[in-house]
PDB file of N, CA and C in Angstrom:
ATOM      1  N   MET A   1       9.614  14.422  -8.383  1.00  0.00           N
ATOM      2  CA  MET A   1       8.475  13.708  -8.869  1.00  0.00           C
ATOM      3  C   MET A   1       8.466  12.269  -8.338  1.00  0.00           C
ATOM      4  N   THR A   2       9.661  11.634  -8.322  1.00  0.00           N
ATOM      5  CA  THR A   2       9.703  10.254  -7.844  1.00  0.00           C
ATOM      6  C   THR A   2       9.342  10.171  -6.366  1.00  0.00           C
ATOM      7  N   ASP A   3       9.742  11.174  -5.588  1.00  0.00           N
ATOM      8  CA  ASP A   3       9.393  11.186  -4.170  1.00  0.00           C
ATOM      9  C   ASP A   3       7.874  11.272  -3.995  1.00  0.00           C
ATOM     10  N   GLU A   4       7.231  12.092  -4.803  1.00  0.00           N
ATOM     11  CA  GLU A   4       5.773  12.223  -4.747  1.00  0.00           C
ATOM     12  C   GLU A   4       5.102  10.894  -5.096  1.00  0.00           C
ATOM     13  N   ALA A   5       5.567  10.273  -6.166  1.00  0.00           N
ATOM     14  CA  ALA A   5       4.981   9.005  -6.597  1.00  0.00           C
ATOM     15  C   ALA A   5       5.224   7.912  -5.566  1.00  0.00           C
ATOM     16  N   ALA A   6       6.381   7.933  -4.922  1.00  0.00           N
ATOM     17  CA  ALA A   6       6.696   6.919  -3.909  1.00  0.00           C
ATOM     18  C   ALA A   6       5.698   6.954  -2.760  1.00  0.00           C
ATOM     19  N   GLY A   7       5.181   8.119  -2.449  1.00  0.00           N
ATOM     20  CA  GLY A   7       4.180   8.237  -1.393  1.00  0.00           C
ATOM     21  C   GLY A   7       2.925   7.444  -1.692  1.00  0.00           C
ATOM     22  N   LEU A   8       2.636   7.241  -2.950  1.00  0.00           N
ATOM     23  CA  LEU A   8       1.450   6.489  -3.341  1.00  0.00           C
ATOM     24  C   LEU A   8       1.574   4.998  -3.042  1.00  0.00           C
ATOM     25  N   ILE A   9       2.807   4.500  -2.948  1.00  0.00           N
ATOM     26  CA  ILE A   9       3.000   3.075  -2.692  1.00  0.00           C
ATOM     27  C   ILE A   9       3.502   2.788  -1.288  1.00  0.00           C
ATOM     28  N   GLY A  10       3.636   3.798  -0.456  1.00  0.00           N
ATOM     29  CA  GLY A  10       4.033   3.570   0.924  1.00  0.00           C
ATOM     30  C   GLY A  10       5.319   4.246   1.344  1.00  0.00           C
ATOM     31  N   GLY A  11       5.959   4.967   0.459  1.00  0.00           N
ATOM     32  CA  GLY A  11       7.170   5.691   0.816  1.00  0.00           C
ATOM     33  C   GLY A  11       8.359   5.277  -0.021  1.00  0.00           C
ATOM     34  N   LEU A  12       9.457   6.022   0.145  1.00  0.00           N
ATOM     35  CA  LEU A  12      10.647   5.793  -0.654  1.00  0.00           C
ATOM     36  C   LEU A  12      11.263   4.416  -0.436  1.00  0.00           C
ATOM     37  N   GLY A  13      11.088   3.832   0.734  1.00  0.00           N
ATOM     38  CA  GLY A  13      11.640   2.512   1.003  1.00  0.00           C
ATOM     39  C   GLY A  13      11.032   1.420   0.152  1.00  0.00           C
ATOM     40  N   LEU A  14       9.929   1.718  -0.494  1.00  0.00           N
ATOM     41  CA  LEU A  14       9.240   0.734  -1.336  1.00  0.00           C
ATOM     42  C   LEU A  14       9.299   1.099  -2.815  1.00  0.00           C
ATOM     43  N   ALA A  15      10.155   2.027  -3.189  1.00  0.00           N
ATOM     44  CA  ALA A  15      10.184   2.511  -4.569  1.00  0.00           C
ATOM     45  C   ALA A  15      11.423   2.020  -5.314  1.00  0.00           C
ATOM     46  N   PRO A  16      11.262   0.972  -6.126  1.00  0.00           N
ATOM     47  CA  PRO A  16      12.392   0.517  -6.935  1.00  0.00           C
ATOM     48  C   PRO A  16      12.620   1.472  -8.098  1.00  0.00           C
ATOM     49  N   GLY A  17      13.780   1.362  -8.712  1.00  0.00           N
ATOM     50  CA  GLY A  17      14.057   2.228  -9.846  1.00  0.00           C
ATOM     51  C   GLY A  17      14.913   1.546 -10.891  1.00  0.00           C
ATOM     52  N   LEU A  18      14.682   1.918 -12.135  1.00  0.00           N
ATOM     53  CA  LEU A  18      15.480   1.401 -13.243  1.00  0.00           C
ATOM     54  C   LEU A  18      15.670   2.532 -14.238  1.00  0.00           C
ATOM     55  N   ASN A  19      16.924   2.862 -14.514  1.00  0.00           N
ATOM     56  CA  ASN A  19      17.259   3.820 -15.559  1.00  0.00           C
ATOM     57  C   ASN A  19      17.702   2.994 -16.754  1.00  0.00           C
ATOM     58  N   ALA A  20      16.996   3.110 -17.857  1.00  0.00           N
ATOM     59  CA  ALA A  20      17.285   2.232 -18.983  1.00  0.00           C
ATOM     60  C   ALA A  20      17.222   2.963 -20.315  1.00  0.00           C
ATOM     61  N   SER A  21      18.051   2.491 -21.214  1.00  0.00           N
ATOM     62  CA  SER A  21      17.999   2.927 -22.608  1.00  0.00           C
ATOM     63  C   SER A  21      17.868   1.661 -23.452  1.00  0.00           C
ATOM     64  N   GLU A  22      18.025   1.794 -24.728  1.00  0.00           N
ATOM     65  CA  GLU A  22      17.948   0.620 -25.592  1.00  0.00           C
ATOM     66  C   GLU A  22      19.091  -0.359 -25.323  1.00  0.00           C
ATOM     67  N   ARG A  23      20.260   0.151 -24.948  1.00  0.00           N
ATOM     68  CA  ARG A  23      21.441  -0.709 -24.812  1.00  0.00           C
ATOM     69  C   ARG A  23      21.927  -0.918 -23.397  1.00  0.00           C
ATOM     70  N   HIS A  24      21.596  -0.035 -22.470  1.00  0.00           N
ATOM     71  CA  HIS A  24      22.147  -0.102 -21.124  1.00  0.00           C
ATOM     72  C   HIS A  24      21.046   0.125 -20.088  1.00  0.00           C
ATOM     73  N   ALA A  25      21.272  -0.432 -18.898  1.00  0.00           N
ATOM     74  CA  ALA A  25      20.331  -0.203 -17.797  1.00  0.00           C
ATOM     75  C   ALA A  25      21.083  -0.231 -16.476  1.00  0.00           C
ATOM     76  N   MET A  26      20.566   0.508 -15.518  1.00  0.00           N
ATOM     77  CA  MET A  26      21.122   0.540 -14.173  1.00  0.00           C
ATOM     78  C   MET A  26      19.965   0.507 -13.186  1.00  0.00           C
ATOM     79  N   ALA A  27      20.001  -0.454 -12.285  1.00  0.00           N
ATOM     80  CA  ALA A  27      18.952  -0.580 -11.269  1.00  0.00           C
ATOM     81  C   ALA A  27      19.437   0.035  -9.967  1.00  0.00           C
ATOM     82  N   GLN A  28      18.542   0.751  -9.299  1.00  0.00           N
ATOM     83  CA  GLN A  28      18.862   1.317  -7.991  1.00  0.00           C
ATOM     84  C   GLN A  28      17.578   1.690  -7.265  1.00  0.00           C
ATOM     85  N   ALA A  29      17.646   1.640  -5.965  1.00  0.00           N
ATOM     86  CA  ALA A  29      16.514   2.104  -5.167  1.00  0.00           C
ATOM     87  C   ALA A  29      16.433   3.621  -5.312  1.00  0.00           C
ATOM     88  N   THR A  30      15.251   4.154  -5.419  1.00  0.00           N
ATOM     89  CA  THR A  30      15.112   5.594  -5.636  1.00  0.00           C
ATOM     90  C   THR A  30      15.411   6.418  -4.390  1.00  0.00           C
ATOM     91  N   HIS A  31      15.460   5.781  -3.226  1.00  0.00           N
ATOM     92  CA  HIS A  31      15.653   6.527  -1.986  1.00  0.00           C
ATOM     93  C   HIS A  31      17.085   6.968  -1.749  1.00  0.00           C
ATOM     94  N   GLY A  32      18.035   6.507  -2.519  1.00  0.00           N
ATOM     95  CA  GLY A  32      19.424   6.907  -2.336  1.00  0.00           C
ATOM     96  C   GLY A  32      20.121   6.076  -1.276  1.00  0.00           C
ATOM     97  N   SER A  33      21.196   6.611  -0.736  1.00  0.00           N
ATOM     98  CA  SER A  33      22.064   5.832   0.153  1.00  0.00           C
ATOM     99  C   SER A  33      21.667   5.876   1.625  1.00  0.00           C
ATOM    100  N   ALA A  34      20.850   6.792   2.041  1.00  0.00           N
ATOM    101  CA  ALA A  34      20.385   6.916   3.437  1.00  0.00           C
ATOM    102  C   ALA A  34      21.540   6.887   4.443  1.00  0.00           C
ATOM    103  N   PRO A  35      22.465   7.837   4.347  1.00  0.00           N
ATOM    104  CA  PRO A  35      23.621   7.830   5.250  1.00  0.00           C
ATOM    105  C   PRO A  35      23.248   7.946   6.730  1.00  0.00           C
ATOM    106  N   ASP A  36      22.081   8.478   7.030  1.00  0.00           N
ATOM    107  CA  ASP A  36      21.670   8.626   8.425  1.00  0.00           C
ATOM    108  C   ASP A  36      21.404   7.285   9.106  1.00  0.00           C
ATOM    109  N   ILE A  37      21.165   6.229   8.317  1.00  0.00           N
ATOM    110  CA  ILE A  37      20.929   4.915   8.929  1.00  0.00           C
ATOM    111  C   ILE A  37      21.964   3.883   8.478  1.00  0.00           C
ATOM    112  N   ALA A  38      23.011   4.330   7.783  1.00  0.00           N
ATOM    113  CA  ALA A  38      24.045   3.428   7.273  1.00  0.00           C
ATOM    114  C   ALA A  38      24.665   2.616   8.411  1.00  0.00           C
ATOM    115  N   GLY A  39      24.819   1.327   8.178  1.00  0.00           N
ATOM    116  CA  GLY A  39      25.477   0.444   9.136  1.00  0.00           C
ATOM    117  C   GLY A  39      24.638   0.015  10.310  1.00  0.00           C
ATOM    118  N   ARG A  40      23.404   0.451  10.375  1.00  0.00           N
ATOM    119  CA  ARG A  40      22.550   0.123  11.522  1.00  0.00           C
ATOM    120  C   ARG A  40      21.678  -1.106  11.290  1.00  0.00           C
ATOM    121  N   GLY A  41      21.630  -1.597  10.066  1.00  0.00           N
ATOM    122  CA  GLY A  41      20.854  -2.793   9.762  1.00  0.00           C
ATOM    123  C   GLY A  41      19.352  -2.608   9.840  1.00  0.00           C
ATOM    124  N   ILE A  42      18.893  -1.377   9.605  1.00  0.00           N
ATOM    125  CA  ILE A  42      17.452  -1.112   9.716  1.00  0.00           C
ATOM    126  C   ILE A  42      16.823  -0.686   8.395  1.00  0.00           C
ATOM    127  N   ALA A  43      17.620  -0.606   7.336  1.00  0.00           N
ATOM    128  CA  ALA A  43      17.078  -0.203   6.033  1.00  0.00           C
ATOM    129  C   ALA A  43      16.187  -1.304   5.470  1.00  0.00           C
ATOM    130  N   ASN A  44      15.154  -0.894   4.803  1.00  0.00           N
ATOM    131  CA  ASN A  44      14.248  -1.833   4.145  1.00  0.00           C
ATOM    132  C   ASN A  44      14.884  -2.239   2.808  1.00  0.00           C
ATOM    133  N   PRO A  45      15.141  -3.541   2.581  1.00  0.00           N
ATOM    134  CA  PRO A  45      15.782  -3.961   1.333  1.00  0.00           C
ATOM    135  C   PRO A  45      14.823  -4.101   0.148  1.00  0.00           C
ATOM    136  N   TYR A  46      13.542  -3.867   0.363  1.00  0.00           N
ATOM    137  CA  TYR A  46      12.530  -4.069  -0.678  1.00  0.00           C
ATOM    138  C   TYR A  46      12.882  -3.351  -1.985  1.00  0.00           C
ATOM    139  N   ALA A  47      13.148  -2.061  -1.914  1.00  0.00           N
ATOM    140  CA  ALA A  47      13.370  -1.279  -3.132  1.00  0.00           C
ATOM    141  C   ALA A  47      14.580  -1.773  -3.910  1.00  0.00           C
ATOM    142  N   MET A  48      15.643  -2.149  -3.220  1.00  0.00           N
ATOM    143  CA  MET A  48      16.831  -2.614  -3.927  1.00  0.00           C
ATOM    144  C   MET A  48      16.596  -3.979  -4.554  1.00  0.00           C
ATOM    145  N   ILE A  49      15.942  -4.864  -3.828  1.00  0.00           N
ATOM    146  CA  ILE A  49      15.650  -6.195  -4.376  1.00  0.00           C
ATOM    147  C   ILE A  49      14.733  -6.083  -5.589  1.00  0.00           C
ATOM    148  N   MET A  50      13.707  -5.261  -5.478  1.00  0.00           N
ATOM    149  CA  MET A  50      12.769  -5.119  -6.589  1.00  0.00           C
ATOM    150  C   MET A  50      13.390  -4.354  -7.767  1.00  0.00           C
ATOM    151  N   SER A  51      14.386  -3.512  -7.493  1.00  0.00           N
ATOM    152  CA  SER A  51      15.127  -2.875  -8.583  1.00  0.00           C
ATOM    153  C   SER A  51      15.891  -3.935  -9.364  1.00  0.00           C
ATOM    154  N   GLY A  52      16.469  -4.886  -8.653  1.00  0.00           N
ATOM    155  CA  GLY A  52      17.138  -6.003  -9.312  1.00  0.00           C
ATOM    156  C   GLY A  52      16.176  -6.816 -10.156  1.00  0.00           C
ATOM    157  N   LYS A  53      14.968  -7.018  -9.642  1.00  0.00           N
ATOM    158  CA  LYS A  53      13.919  -7.723 -10.399  1.00  0.00           C
ATOM    159  C   LYS A  53      13.621  -6.974 -11.696  1.00  0.00           C
ATOM    160  N   MET A  54      13.522  -5.662 -11.614  1.00  0.00           N
ATOM    161  CA  MET A  54      13.255  -4.853 -12.802  1.00  0.00           C
ATOM    162  C   MET A  54      14.395  -4.973 -13.823  1.00  0.00           C
ATOM    163  N   LEU A  55      15.618  -5.060 -13.331  1.00  0.00           N
ATOM    164  CA  LEU A  55      16.753  -5.211 -14.232  1.00  0.00           C
ATOM    165  C   LEU A  55      16.688  -6.559 -14.952  1.00  0.00           C
ATOM    166  N   PHE A  56      16.323  -7.609 -14.233  1.00  0.00           N
ATOM    167  CA  PHE A  56      16.141  -8.913 -14.884  1.00  0.00           C
ATOM    168  C   PHE A  56      15.048  -8.843 -15.951  1.00  0.00           C
ATOM    169  N   GLU A  57      13.966  -8.123 -15.663  1.00  0.00           N
ATOM    170  CA  GLU A  57      12.891  -7.981 -16.651  1.00  0.00           C
ATOM    171  C   GLU A  57      13.391  -7.248 -17.898  1.00  0.00           C
ATOM    172  N   TRP A  58      14.204  -6.211 -17.690  1.00  0.00           N
ATOM    173  CA  TRP A  58      14.776  -5.467 -18.807  1.00  0.00           C
ATOM    174  C   TRP A  58      15.669  -6.385 -19.639  1.00  0.00           C
ATOM    175  N   LEU A  59      16.510  -7.173 -18.964  1.00  0.00           N
ATOM    176  CA  LEU A  59      17.383  -8.106 -19.681  1.00  0.00           C
ATOM    177  C   LEU A  59      16.570  -9.115 -20.488  1.00  0.00           C
ATOM    178  N   ALA A  60      15.493  -9.590 -19.907  1.00  0.00           N
ATOM    179  CA  ALA A  60      14.642 -10.556 -20.598  1.00  0.00           C
ATOM    180  C   ALA A  60      14.070  -9.954 -21.876  1.00  0.00           C
ATOM    181  N   THR A  61      13.665  -8.704 -21.804  1.00  0.00           N
ATOM    182  CA  THR A  61      13.044  -8.036 -22.942  1.00  0.00           C
ATOM    183  C   THR A  61      14.065  -7.575 -23.970  1.00  0.00           C
ATOM    184  N   ARG A  62      15.080  -6.866 -23.529  1.00  0.00           N
ATOM    185  CA  ARG A  62      16.036  -6.244 -24.452  1.00  0.00           C
ATOM    186  C   ARG A  62      17.078  -7.210 -25.004  1.00  0.00           C
ATOM    187  N   ARG A  63      17.436  -8.198 -24.204  1.00  0.00           N
ATOM    188  CA  ARG A  63      18.500  -9.114 -24.618  1.00  0.00           C
ATOM    189  C   ARG A  63      17.987 -10.522 -24.914  1.00  0.00           C
ATOM    190  N   ASN A  64      16.684 -10.671 -24.892  1.00  0.00           N
ATOM    191  CA  ASN A  64      16.060 -11.969 -25.158  1.00  0.00           C
ATOM    192  C   ASN A  64      16.677 -13.063 -24.277  1.00  0.00           C
ATOM    193  N   GLU A  65      16.631 -12.826 -22.971  1.00  0.00           N
ATOM    194  CA  GLU A  65      17.191 -13.754 -21.995  1.00  0.00           C
ATOM    195  C   GLU A  65      16.053 -14.400 -21.214  1.00  0.00           C
ATOM    196  N   PRO A  66      15.572 -15.568 -21.628  1.00  0.00           N
ATOM    197  CA  PRO A  66      14.442 -16.204 -20.942  1.00  0.00           C
ATOM    198  C   PRO A  66      14.733 -16.528 -19.481  1.00  0.00           C
ATOM    199  N   LYS A  67      15.978 -16.860 -19.158  1.00  0.00           N
ATOM    200  CA  LYS A  67      16.322 -17.165 -17.765  1.00  0.00           C
ATOM    201  C   LYS A  67      16.201 -15.926 -16.878  1.00  0.00           C
ATOM    202  N   ALA A  68      16.423 -14.754 -17.471  1.00  0.00           N
ATOM    203  CA  ALA A  68      16.271 -13.516 -16.713  1.00  0.00           C
ATOM    204  C   ALA A  68      14.814 -13.287 -16.328  1.00  0.00           C
ATOM    205  N   LEU A  69      13.901 -13.636 -17.218  1.00  0.00           N
ATOM    206  CA  LEU A  69      12.473 -13.505 -16.908  1.00  0.00           C
ATOM    207  C   LEU A  69      12.075 -14.475 -15.797  1.00  0.00           C
ATOM    208  N   VAL A  70      12.610 -15.671 -15.838  1.00  0.00           N
ATOM    209  CA  VAL A  70      12.360 -16.646 -14.764  1.00  0.00           C
ATOM    210  C   VAL A  70      12.874 -16.091 -13.435  1.00  0.00           C
ATOM    211  N   ALA A  71      14.076 -15.528 -13.449  1.00  0.00           N
ATOM    212  CA  ALA A  71      14.649 -14.953 -12.231  1.00  0.00           C
ATOM    213  C   ALA A  71      13.775 -13.833 -11.689  1.00  0.00           C
ATOM    214  N   ALA A  72      13.296 -12.950 -12.574  1.00  0.00           N
ATOM    215  CA  ALA A  72      12.438 -11.839 -12.156  1.00  0.00           C
ATOM    216  C   ALA A  72      11.165 -12.358 -11.501  1.00  0.00           C
ATOM    217  N   ARG A  73      10.574 -13.365 -12.094  1.00  0.00           N
ATOM    218  CA  ARG A  73       9.336 -13.921 -11.537  1.00  0.00           C
ATOM    219  C   ARG A  73       9.575 -14.579 -10.184  1.00  0.00           C
ATOM    220  N   LEU A  74      10.695 -15.268 -10.047  1.00  0.00           N
ATOM    221  CA  LEU A  74      11.026 -15.888  -8.758  1.00  0.00           C
ATOM    222  C   LEU A  74      11.222 -14.841  -7.663  1.00  0.00           C
ATOM    223  N   ILE A  75      11.914 -13.770  -7.996  1.00  0.00           N
ATOM    224  CA  ILE A  75      12.132 -12.689  -7.027  1.00  0.00           C
ATOM    225  C   ILE A  75      10.806 -12.060  -6.630  1.00  0.00           C
ATOM    226  N   GLY A  76       9.959 -11.769  -7.607  1.00  0.00           N
ATOM    227  CA  GLY A  76       8.659 -11.166  -7.315  1.00  0.00           C
ATOM    228  C   GLY A  76       7.797 -12.047  -6.430  1.00  0.00           C
ATOM    229  N   ALA A  77       7.744 -13.334  -6.751  1.00  0.00           N
ATOM    230  CA  ALA A  77       6.944 -14.266  -5.947  1.00  0.00           C
ATOM    231  C   ALA A  77       7.504 -14.403  -4.543  1.00  0.00           C
ATOM    232  N   ALA A  78       8.822 -14.420  -4.425  1.00  0.00           N
ATOM    233  CA  ALA A  78       9.447 -14.529  -3.101  1.00  0.00           C
ATOM    234  C   ALA A  78       9.146 -13.296  -2.256  1.00  0.00           C
ATOM    235  N   MET A  79       9.230 -12.114  -2.852  1.00  0.00           N
ATOM    236  CA  MET A  79       8.937 -10.894  -2.101  1.00  0.00           C
ATOM    237  C   MET A  79       7.476 -10.866  -1.692  1.00  0.00           C
ATOM    238  N   ASP A  80       6.589 -11.258  -2.592  1.00  0.00           N
ATOM    239  CA  ASP A  80       5.165 -11.317  -2.253  1.00  0.00           C
ATOM    240  C   ASP A  80       4.938 -12.225  -1.049  1.00  0.00           C
ATOM    241  N   LYS A  81       5.604 -13.363  -1.029  1.00  0.00           N
ATOM    242  CA  LYS A  81       5.456 -14.325   0.064  1.00  0.00           C
ATOM    243  C   LYS A  81       5.949 -13.740   1.385  1.00  0.00           C
ATOM    244  N   VAL A  82       7.113 -13.113   1.362  1.00  0.00           N
ATOM    245  CA  VAL A  82       7.672 -12.528   2.592  1.00  0.00           C
ATOM    246  C   VAL A  82       6.764 -11.415   3.115  1.00  0.00           C
ATOM    247  N   ILE A  83       6.278 -10.575   2.243  1.00  0.00           N
ATOM    248  CA  ILE A  83       5.376  -9.490   2.663  1.00  0.00           C
ATOM    249  C   ILE A  83       4.081 -10.076   3.222  1.00  0.00           C
ATOM    250  N   ALA A  84       3.509 -11.050   2.548  1.00  0.00           N
ATOM    251  CA  ALA A  84       2.229 -11.645   2.983  1.00  0.00           C
ATOM    252  C   ALA A  84       2.366 -12.354   4.323  1.00  0.00           C
ATOM    253  N   GLU A  85       3.473 -13.060   4.525  1.00  0.00           N
ATOM    254  CA  GLU A  85       3.677 -13.771   5.788  1.00  0.00           C
ATOM    255  C   GLU A  85       3.920 -12.819   6.954  1.00  0.00           C
ATOM    256  N   ALA A  86       4.520 -11.664   6.672  1.00  0.00           N
ATOM    257  CA  ALA A  86       4.771 -10.607   7.669  1.00  0.00           C
ATOM    258  C   ALA A  86       5.587 -11.073   8.869  1.00  0.00           C
ATOM    259  N   LYS A  87       6.449 -12.064   8.685  1.00  0.00           N
ATOM    260  CA  LYS A  87       7.294 -12.558   9.779  1.00  0.00           C
ATOM    261  C   LYS A  87       8.677 -11.915   9.779  1.00  0.00           C
ATOM    262  N   HIS A  88       9.116 -11.456   8.615  1.00  0.00           N
ATOM    263  CA  HIS A  88      10.473 -10.921   8.478  1.00  0.00           C
ATOM    264  C   HIS A  88      10.440  -9.558   7.798  1.00  0.00           C
ATOM    265  N   LEU A  89       9.729  -8.623   8.399  1.00  0.00           N
ATOM    266  CA  LEU A  89       9.610  -7.281   7.841  1.00  0.00           C
ATOM    267  C   LEU A  89      10.397  -6.292   8.683  1.00  0.00           C
ATOM    268  N   THR A  90      10.937  -5.286   8.028  1.00  0.00           N
ATOM    269  CA  THR A  90      11.656  -4.231   8.735  1.00  0.00           C
ATOM    270  C   THR A  90      10.661  -3.318   9.469  1.00  0.00           C
ATOM    271  N   ALA A  91      11.191  -2.497  10.341  1.00  0.00           N
ATOM    272  CA  ALA A  91      10.349  -1.663  11.209  1.00  0.00           C
ATOM    273  C   ALA A  91       9.410  -0.749  10.434  1.00  0.00           C
ATOM    274  N   ASP A  92       9.855  -0.222   9.301  1.00  0.00           N
ATOM    275  CA  ASP A  92       8.992   0.684   8.535  1.00  0.00           C
ATOM    276  C   ASP A  92       7.763  -0.028   7.976  1.00  0.00           C
ATOM    277  N   LEU A  93       7.815  -1.368   7.946  1.00  0.00           N
ATOM    278  CA  LEU A  93       6.669  -2.157   7.494  1.00  0.00           C
ATOM    279  C   LEU A  93       5.931  -2.801   8.659  1.00  0.00           C
ATOM    280  N   GLY A  94       6.285  -2.374   9.876  1.00  0.00           N
ATOM    281  CA  GLY A  94       5.602  -2.880  11.060  1.00  0.00           C
ATOM    282  C   GLY A  94       6.233  -4.108  11.687  1.00  0.00           C
ATOM    283  N   GLY A  95       7.415  -4.493  11.223  1.00  0.00           N
ATOM    284  CA  GLY A  95       8.086  -5.671  11.761  1.00  0.00           C
ATOM    285  C   GLY A  95       9.257  -5.323  12.653  1.00  0.00           C
ATOM    286  N   THR A  96      10.044  -6.336  12.954  1.00  0.00           N
ATOM    287  CA  THR A  96      11.224  -6.153  13.804  1.00  0.00           C
ATOM    288  C   THR A  96      12.494  -6.703  13.162  1.00  0.00           C
ATOM    289  N   ALA A  97      12.409  -7.145  11.922  1.00  0.00           N
ATOM    290  CA  ALA A  97      13.563  -7.745  11.242  1.00  0.00           C
ATOM    291  C   ALA A  97      14.594  -6.698  10.851  1.00  0.00           C
ATOM    292  N   SER A  98      15.836  -7.141  10.806  1.00  0.00           N
ATOM    293  CA  SER A  98      16.909  -6.289  10.299  1.00  0.00           C
ATOM    294  C   SER A  98      16.900  -6.356   8.771  1.00  0.00           C
ATOM    295  N   THR A  99      17.717  -5.524   8.169  1.00  0.00           N
ATOM    296  CA  THR A  99      17.851  -5.528   6.715  1.00  0.00           C
ATOM    297  C   THR A  99      18.222  -6.921   6.222  1.00  0.00           C
ATOM    298  N   SER A 100      19.243  -7.511   6.839  1.00  0.00           N
ATOM    299  CA  SER A 100      19.703  -8.815   6.371  1.00  0.00           C
ATOM    300  C   SER A 100      18.693  -9.918   6.669  1.00  0.00           C
ATOM    301  N   GLU A 101      17.975  -9.819   7.757  1.00  0.00           N
ATOM    302  CA  GLU A 101      16.951 -10.831   8.054  1.00  0.00           C
ATOM    303  C   GLU A 101      15.846 -10.836   7.001  1.00  0.00           C
ATOM    304  N   MET A 102      15.422  -9.638   6.592  1.00  0.00           N
ATOM    305  CA  MET A 102      14.389  -9.572   5.552  1.00  0.00           C
ATOM    306  C   MET A 102      14.953 -10.061   4.221  1.00  0.00           C
ATOM    307  N   GLY A 103      16.159  -9.636   3.891  1.00  0.00           N
ATOM    308  CA  GLY A 103      16.786 -10.080   2.654  1.00  0.00           C
ATOM    309  C   GLY A 103      16.984 -11.584   2.632  1.00  0.00           C
ATOM    310  N   ASP A 104      17.411 -12.148   3.750  1.00  0.00           N
ATOM    311  CA  ASP A 104      17.598 -13.599   3.840  1.00  0.00           C
ATOM    312  C   ASP A 104      16.268 -14.335   3.676  1.00  0.00           C
ATOM    313  N   ALA A 105      15.197 -13.775   4.211  1.00  0.00           N
ATOM    314  CA  ALA A 105      13.883 -14.391   4.067  1.00  0.00           C
ATOM    315  C   ALA A 105      13.456 -14.434   2.608  1.00  0.00           C
ATOM    316  N   VAL A 106      13.752 -13.367   1.877  1.00  0.00           N
ATOM    317  CA  VAL A 106      13.431 -13.343   0.442  1.00  0.00           C
ATOM    318  C   VAL A 106      14.283 -14.380  -0.290  1.00  0.00           C
ATOM    319  N   ALA A 107      15.567 -14.462   0.050  1.00  0.00           N
ATOM    320  CA  ALA A 107      16.435 -15.443  -0.587  1.00  0.00           C
ATOM    321  C   ALA A 107      15.955 -16.871  -0.327  1.00  0.00           C
ATOM    322  N   ARG A 108      15.549 -17.152   0.888  1.00  0.00           N
ATOM    323  CA  ARG A 108      15.028 -18.489   1.217  1.00  0.00           C
ATOM    324  C   ARG A 108      13.740 -18.778   0.444  1.00  0.00           C
ATOM    325  N   ALA A 109      12.911 -17.773   0.266  1.00  0.00           N
ATOM    326  CA  ALA A 109      11.640 -17.953  -0.436  1.00  0.00           C
ATOM    327  C   ALA A 109      11.846 -18.253  -1.926  1.00  0.00           C
ATOM    328  N   ILE A 110      12.969 -17.822  -2.452  1.00  0.00           N
ATOM    329  CA  ILE A 110      13.271 -18.114  -3.863  1.00  0.00           C
ATOM    330  C   ILE A 110      13.548 -19.598  -3.990  1.00  0.00           C
TER     331      ILE A 110
END
């Protein structure tokens, strides 16, 4: 089902994930480990970064952590900026950046 839904937003590389209960949560990209491209620096970091954003949102809500909500908003705004500028995108998004180049661009935008 998640694979089907991921197609609606552009594919598994863009599908963040959060498994959560009342007391615990685990963030992960829904696409899995992608062993076929491991170590090549071509994976899109979007899903993993946005999974982290979702975890901060969960912490803000469940644990009443206002700083976590600030962190989530900063990550979201930074990713929006990197995507909109289209200078540091991985190949699946039409760019030429490596995984770390795109991730570094998001970190700088924060």
